Amino acid sequence: MKTIGNILWFIFGGIISGLSWIFWGMLWCITIIGIPVGIQCFKLAQLSF
């Protein structure tokens, strides 16, 4: 059941969530001040995937 739940999460929410975290991470990394926030966004994207 755990594997099925993980597959369903990835298909119905994980892809969109992960890609949006990567997008926001790249936007945050444009500025020097936002780099720490961008790095945390990339960590959340990894967690979503």
N, C-alpha and C. Protein backbone atom coordinates (compact mmCIF):
# COMPACT_ATOMS: atom_id res chain seq x y z
N MET A 1 0.83 -1.20 0.00
CA MET A 1 0.00 0.00 0.00
C MET A 1 0.86 1.25 0.00
N LYS A 2 2.01 1.20 0.68
CA LYS A 2 2.87 2.38 0.75
C LYS A 2 3.40 2.74 -0.64
N THR A 3 3.77 1.73 -1.40
CA THR A 3 4.30 1.96 -2.75
C THR A 3 3.23 2.55 -3.66
N ILE A 4 2.02 2.04 -3.56
CA ILE A 4 0.92 2.56 -4.38
C ILE A 4 0.64 4.02 -4.02
N GLY A 5 0.66 4.33 -2.74
CA GLY A 5 0.45 5.71 -2.31
C GLY A 5 1.53 6.64 -2.83
N ASN A 6 2.78 6.19 -2.82
CA ASN A 6 3.87 7.00 -3.34
C ASN A 6 3.75 7.23 -4.83
N ILE A 7 3.34 6.21 -5.56
CA ILE A 7 3.16 6.35 -7.01
C ILE A 7 2.02 7.32 -7.30
N LEU A 8 0.91 7.19 -6.58
CA LEU A 8 -0.21 8.11 -6.79
C LEU A 8 0.17 9.54 -6.45
N TRP A 9 0.93 9.74 -5.37
CA TRP A 9 1.38 11.08 -5.01
C TRP A 9 2.25 11.67 -6.12
N PHE A 10 3.16 10.88 -6.65
CA PHE A 10 4.06 11.38 -7.69
C PHE A 10 3.29 11.76 -8.94
N ILE A 11 2.32 10.96 -9.32
CA ILE A 11 1.56 11.23 -10.55
C ILE A 11 0.64 12.43 -10.38
N PHE A 12 -0.10 12.49 -9.28
CA PHE A 12 -1.14 13.50 -9.14
C PHE A 12 -0.71 14.77 -8.42
N GLY A 13 0.44 14.80 -7.79
CA GLY A 13 0.82 16.02 -7.09
C GLY A 13 2.30 16.27 -7.00
N GLY A 14 3.08 15.22 -6.99
CA GLY A 14 4.52 15.37 -6.77
C GLY A 14 5.25 16.04 -7.92
N ILE A 15 4.86 15.73 -9.13
CA ILE A 15 5.52 16.34 -10.29
C ILE A 15 5.30 17.84 -10.31
N ILE A 16 4.05 18.25 -10.15
CA ILE A 16 3.72 19.67 -10.19
C ILE A 16 4.37 20.40 -9.02
N SER A 17 4.30 19.82 -7.85
CA SER A 17 4.89 20.43 -6.67
C SER A 17 6.40 20.56 -6.80
N GLY A 18 7.06 19.51 -7.24
CA GLY A 18 8.51 19.53 -7.39
C GLY A 18 8.97 20.54 -8.43
N LEU A 19 8.28 20.58 -9.56
CA LEU A 19 8.65 21.54 -10.60
C LEU A 19 8.42 22.98 -10.16
N SER A 20 7.37 23.22 -9.40
CA SER A 20 7.13 24.58 -8.93
C SER A 20 8.18 25.00 -7.90
N TRP A 21 8.62 24.08 -7.03
CA TRP A 21 9.69 24.41 -6.08
C TRP A 21 10.99 24.70 -6.81
N ILE A 22 11.29 23.95 -7.88
CA ILE A 22 12.50 24.22 -8.66
C ILE A 22 12.40 25.59 -9.34
N PHE A 23 11.24 25.91 -9.88
CA PHE A 23 11.04 27.21 -10.52
C PHE A 23 11.27 28.35 -9.53
N TRP A 24 10.65 28.26 -8.36
CA TRP A 24 10.82 29.32 -7.36
C TRP A 24 12.25 29.37 -6.83
N GLY A 25 12.90 28.23 -6.73
CA GLY A 25 14.29 28.20 -6.30
C GLY A 25 15.20 28.93 -7.28
N MET A 26 14.95 28.73 -8.57
CA MET A 26 15.75 29.44 -9.57
C MET A 26 15.50 30.94 -9.51
N LEU A 27 14.25 31.33 -9.29
CA LEU A 27 13.97 32.77 -9.18
C LEU A 27 14.64 33.38 -7.95
N TRP A 28 14.62 32.68 -6.84
CA TRP A 28 15.26 33.18 -5.62
C TRP A 28 16.76 33.27 -5.78
N CYS A 29 17.37 32.37 -6.54
CA CYS A 29 18.82 32.36 -6.69
C CYS A 29 19.34 33.44 -7.63
N ILE A 30 18.46 34.20 -8.25
CA ILE A 30 18.91 35.29 -9.10
C ILE A 30 19.60 36.38 -8.27
N THR A 31 19.08 36.66 -7.10
CA THR A 31 19.69 37.69 -6.25
C THR A 31 20.63 37.05 -5.24
N ILE A 32 21.59 37.81 -4.79
CA ILE A 32 22.56 37.30 -3.81
C ILE A 32 21.87 37.06 -2.47
N ILE A 33 20.97 37.93 -2.09
CA ILE A 33 20.28 37.80 -0.80
C ILE A 33 19.35 36.59 -0.79
N GLY A 34 18.80 36.23 -1.94
CA GLY A 34 17.83 35.14 -2.01
C GLY A 34 18.43 33.75 -2.16
N ILE A 35 19.75 33.64 -2.27
CA ILE A 35 20.37 32.33 -2.49
C ILE A 35 20.07 31.34 -1.37
N PRO A 36 20.13 31.72 -0.09
CA PRO A 36 19.77 30.74 0.95
C PRO A 36 18.33 30.24 0.85
N VAL A 37 17.42 31.13 0.47
CA VAL A 37 16.02 30.72 0.30
C VAL A 37 15.90 29.80 -0.91
N GLY A 38 16.62 30.10 -1.99
CA GLY A 38 16.60 29.27 -3.18
C GLY A 38 17.12 27.87 -2.91
N ILE A 39 18.17 27.76 -2.10
CA ILE A 39 18.71 26.45 -1.76
C ILE A 39 17.68 25.63 -0.99
N GLN A 40 16.96 26.29 -0.09
CA GLN A 40 15.91 25.58 0.66
C GLN A 40 14.76 25.16 -0.27
N CYS A 41 14.47 25.97 -1.28
CA CYS A 41 13.45 25.58 -2.25
C CYS A 41 13.87 24.32 -3.01
N PHE A 42 15.15 24.22 -3.35
CA PHE A 42 15.63 23.02 -4.04
C PHE A 42 15.55 21.79 -3.12
N LYS A 43 15.77 21.97 -1.84
CA LYS A 43 15.64 20.85 -0.90
C LYS A 43 14.19 20.40 -0.81
N LEU A 44 13.26 21.35 -0.79
CA LEU A 44 11.83 21.00 -0.76
C LEU A 44 11.41 20.31 -2.06
N ALA A 45 11.99 20.72 -3.18
CA ALA A 45 11.69 20.06 -4.46
C ALA A 45 12.15 18.60 -4.42
N GLN A 46 13.33 18.37 -3.85
CA GLN A 46 13.82 17.00 -3.72
C GLN A 46 12.90 16.19 -2.84
N LEU A 47 12.38 16.80 -1.78
CA LEU A 47 11.46 16.11 -0.89
C LEU A 47 10.14 15.79 -1.60
N SER A 48 9.68 16.70 -2.45
CA SER A 48 8.44 16.46 -3.18
C SER A 48 8.56 15.32 -4.17
N PHE A 49 9.72 15.26 -4.82
CA PHE A 49 9.92 14.16 -5.77
C PHE A 49 10.13 12.87 -5.05
